[in-house]
C-alpha atoms as a PDB file:
ATOM      1  CA  MET A   1       0.218  -0.273   0.335  1.00  0.00           C
ATOM      2  CA  PRO A   2       1.310   3.402  -0.287  1.00  0.00           C
ATOM      3  CA  TYR A   3       1.230   5.643   2.507  1.00  0.00           C
ATOM      4  CA  ILE A   4       0.984   9.943   2.856  1.00  0.00           C
ATOM      5  CA  THR A   5       4.358  10.889   2.143  1.00  0.00           C
ATOM      6  CA  TRP A   6       2.978  15.278   2.513  1.00  0.00           C
ATOM      7  CA  TYR A   7       0.213  17.133   3.633  1.00  0.00           C
ATOM      8  CA  GLN A   8      -1.217  19.098   0.357  1.00  0.00           C
ATOM      9  CA  VAL A   9      -4.623  19.224   0.810  1.00  0.00           C
ATOM     10  CA  GLN A  10      -6.993  20.064   4.033  1.00  0.00           C
ATOM     11  CA  LYS A  11     -11.068  19.579   4.218  1.00  0.00           C
ATOM     12  CA  GLU A  12     -12.824  21.488   6.539  1.00  0.00           C
ATOM     13  CA  ASN A  13     -16.219  19.955   6.820  1.00  0.00           C
ATOM     14  CA  PHE A  14     -18.328  22.930   8.148  1.00  0.00           C
ATOM     15  CA  ALA A  15     -17.285  25.678   5.220  1.00  0.00           C
ATOM     16  CA  LYS A  16     -17.425  22.524   3.351  1.00  0.00           C
ATOM     17  CA  ALA A  17     -14.039  23.610   1.859  1.00  0.00           C
ATOM     18  CA  ILE A  18     -10.721  21.787   0.323  1.00  0.00           C
ATOM     19  CA  ARG A  19      -7.739  23.902   0.925  1.00  0.00           C
ATOM     20  CA  ASP A  20      -4.887  23.096  -1.743  1.00  0.00           C
ATOM     21  CA  ALA A  21      -1.427  24.673   0.575  1.00  0.00           C
ATOM     22  CA  GLY A  22      -1.832  27.902  -1.089  1.00  0.00           C
ATOM     23  CA  ALA A  23      -5.095  28.565   0.572  1.00  0.00           C
ATOM     24  CA  VAL A  24      -4.166  26.604   3.551  1.00  0.00           C
ATOM     25  CA  PHE A  25      -1.238  29.575   3.719  1.00  0.00           C
ATOM     26  CA  ASN A  26      -4.290  31.981   3.380  1.00  0.00           C
ATOM     27  CA  LYS A  27      -6.509  30.982   5.626  1.00  0.00           C
ATOM     28  CA  PHE A  28      -3.335  30.626   8.621  1.00  0.00           C
ATOM     29  CA  GLY A  29      -0.243  32.409   7.443  1.00  0.00           C
ATOM     30  CA  VAL A  30       2.191  29.810   7.422  1.00  0.00           C
ATOM     31  CA  THR A  31       2.501  26.636   5.503  1.00  0.00           C
ATOM     32  CA  PRO A  32       0.281  23.463   5.058  1.00  0.00           C
ATOM     33  CA  VAL A  33       3.874  21.158   6.832  1.00  0.00           C
ATOM     34  CA  LEU A  34       3.195  23.624   9.741  1.00  0.00           C
ATOM     35  CA  ASN A  35      -0.207  23.953   9.956  1.00  0.00           C
ATOM     36  CA  PRO A  36      -0.266  20.738  13.626  1.00  0.00           C
ATOM     37  CA  ASP A  37       2.928  23.481  14.638  1.00  0.00           C
ATOM     38  CA  TYR A  38       0.391  26.602  14.494  1.00  0.00           C
ATOM     39  CA  LEU A  39      -2.470  23.779  15.391  1.00  0.00           C
ATOM     40  CA  ALA A  40      -0.787  23.489  18.277  1.00  0.00           C
ATOM     41  CA  LEU A  41      -0.030  27.085  19.933  1.00  0.00           C
ATOM     42  CA  VAL A  42      -3.582  28.370  19.075  1.00  0.00           C
ATOM     43  CA  GLY A  43      -5.101  25.387  20.037  1.00  0.00           C
ATOM     44  CA  ASP A  44      -7.834  23.439  18.809  1.00  0.00           C
ATOM     45  CA  SER A  45     -11.838  23.057  20.324  1.00  0.00           C
ATOM     46  CA  THR A  46     -12.365  20.563  17.518  1.00  0.00           C
ATOM     47  CA  ASP A  47     -10.218  17.845  19.074  1.00  0.00           C
ATOM     48  CA  GLY A  48     -10.300  19.336  22.679  1.00  0.00           C
ATOM     49  CA  TYR A  49      -6.920  20.561  23.319  1.00  0.00           C
ATOM     50  CA  PRO A  50      -6.727  24.334  24.584  1.00  0.00           C
ATOM     51  CA  SER A  51      -4.303  26.649  23.373  1.00  0.00           C
ATOM     52  CA  ILE A  52      -0.554  27.561  24.402  1.00  0.00           C
ATOM     53  CA  SER A  53      -1.255  30.634  27.363  1.00  0.00           C
ATOM     54  CA  GLY A  54      -0.144  34.171  25.723  1.00  0.00           C
ATOM     55  CA  VAL A  55       0.502  32.549  22.146  1.00  0.00           C
ATOM     56  CA  GLY A  56      -2.754  33.721  19.727  1.00  0.00           C
ATOM     57  CA  LYS A  57      -2.821  33.333  16.130  1.00  0.00           C
ATOM     58  CA  ARG A  58      -1.498  36.435  15.213  1.00  0.00           C
ATOM     59  CA  SER A  59       1.772  35.540  17.628  1.00  0.00           C
ATOM     60  CA  ALA A  60       2.086  32.187  16.511  1.00  0.00           C
ATOM     61  CA  THR A  61       1.893  33.191  12.559  1.00  0.00           C
ATOM     62  CA  ARG A  62       5.082  35.534  13.383  1.00  0.00           C
ATOM     63  CA  LEU A  63       6.796  32.932  15.517  1.00  0.00           C
ATOM     64  CA  LEU A  64       6.249  30.051  13.098  1.00  0.00           C
ATOM     65  CA  ASN A  65       6.986  32.155  10.304  1.00  0.00           C
ATOM     66  CA  ARG A  66      10.057  32.876  11.890  1.00  0.00           C
ATOM     67  CA  TYR A  67      11.624  29.965  13.560  1.00  0.00           C
ATOM     68  CA  GLY A  68      10.131  27.011  11.833  1.00  0.00           C
ATOM     69  CA  PRO A  69       8.378  24.439  13.302  1.00  0.00           C
ATOM     70  CA  ILE A  70       7.920  24.147  17.503  1.00  0.00           C
ATOM     71  CA  GLU A  71      10.861  22.029  17.735  1.00  0.00           C
ATOM     72  CA  ASN A  72      13.069  24.923  16.548  1.00  0.00           C
ATOM     73  CA  PHE A  73      12.138  27.581  18.782  1.00  0.00           C
ATOM     74  CA  PRO A  74      15.002  29.139  21.334  1.00  0.00           C
ATOM     75  CA  PRO A  75      13.715  27.874  24.862  1.00  0.00           C
ATOM     76  CA  GLU A  76      12.780  30.519  26.267  1.00  0.00           C
ATOM     77  CA  VAL A  77      10.244  31.694  23.953  1.00  0.00           C
ATOM     78  CA  LEU A  78       7.667  29.010  25.227  1.00  0.00           C
ATOM     79  CA  GLY A  79       9.433  28.610  28.285  1.00  0.00           C
ATOM     80  CA  GLN A  80       7.983  25.802  30.452  1.00  0.00           C
ATOM     81  CA  GLN A  81       5.393  25.215  28.319  1.00  0.00           C
ATOM     82  CA  ARG A  82       7.188  23.540  25.816  1.00  0.00           C
ATOM     83  CA  GLU A  83       5.603  19.958  26.840  1.00  0.00           C
ATOM     84  CA  LYS A  84       2.817  21.252  25.784  1.00  0.00           C
ATOM     85  CA  ALA A  85       2.756  22.662  23.058  1.00  0.00           C
ATOM     86  CA  LEU A  86       5.092  19.645  21.658  1.00  0.00           C
ATOM     87  CA  LEU A  87       2.121  17.342  22.858  1.00  0.00           C
ATOM     88  CA  PHE A  88      -0.619  19.203  21.284  1.00  0.00           C
ATOM     89  CA  LYS A  89       1.379  19.075  17.561  1.00  0.00           C
ATOM     90  CA  ARG A  90       1.263  15.674  17.902  1.00  0.00           C
ATOM     91  CA  LEU A  91      -2.375  15.448  18.556  1.00  0.00           C
ATOM     92  CA  ALA A  92      -2.503  17.672  15.621  1.00  0.00           C
ATOM     93  CA  THR A  93      -0.077  15.763  13.179  1.00  0.00           C
ATOM     94  CA  LEU A  94      -1.699  13.059  11.064  1.00  0.00           C
ATOM     95  CA  ARG A  95      -0.148   9.944  10.921  1.00  0.00           C
ATOM     96  CA  MET A  96       2.052   9.560   7.201  1.00  0.00           C
ATOM     97  CA  ASP A  97       3.457   6.063   8.397  1.00  0.00           C
ATOM     98  CA  GLU A  98       0.354   4.108   8.549  1.00  0.00           C
ATOM     99  CA  PRO A  99      -0.691   2.449   4.809  1.00  0.00           C
ATOM    100  CA  VAL A 100      -3.943   4.997   2.770  1.00  0.00           C
ATOM    101  CA  PHE A 101      -6.454   2.910   0.414  1.00  0.00           C
ATOM    102  CA  THR A 102      -5.426   2.423  -3.141  1.00  0.00           C
ATOM    103  CA  ASP A 103      -9.093   1.628  -4.539  1.00  0.00           C
ATOM    104  CA  VAL A 104     -12.309   3.752  -3.175  1.00  0.00           C
ATOM    105  CA  ASN A 105     -13.640   1.514  -2.764  1.00  0.00           C
ATOM    106  CA  GLU A 106     -11.616  -0.374   0.296  1.00  0.00           C
ATOM    107  CA  LEU A 107     -13.634   2.422   2.471  1.00  0.00           C
ATOM    108  CA  LYS A 108     -17.159   0.782   1.428  1.00  0.00           C
ATOM    109  CA  TRP A 109     -19.036  -0.271   5.042  1.00  0.00           C
ATOM    110  CA  ARG A 110     -19.199  -3.919   4.404  1.00  0.00           C
ATOM    111  CA  PHE A 111     -21.603  -5.689   6.647  1.00  0.00           C
ATOM    112  CA  VAL A 112     -21.139  -8.951   7.572  1.00  0.00           C
ATOM    113  CA  CYS A 113     -23.720 -11.060   9.080  1.00  0.00           C
ATOM    114  CA  VAL A 114     -22.761 -13.733  11.948  1.00  0.00           C
ATOM    115  CA  ARG A 115     -25.507 -16.218  13.229  1.00  0.00           C
END
């Protein structure tokens, strides 16, 4: 089976939108690869984790465009919240080491009757 190798699109159910890399950048101000870092900093109520205290959308965008991923932030930027931010990033990151389907029919529900 093939593996996901790059995050290229974002699907937003509420807005009924599928965004390519340019549209993700226009919405969040960061490239798609930094989207998990962004969500880790500003929080994601849908997935149930809060923001990092003192970091809003604008400051998250500035930090990520200046330093790149959270792992590259100087220690003093997040201080004691660094580990929490890394945990939130892990929660916001799609696993890219798992096989994905090769045929859309693999996603169909199959009803099995057990007697």
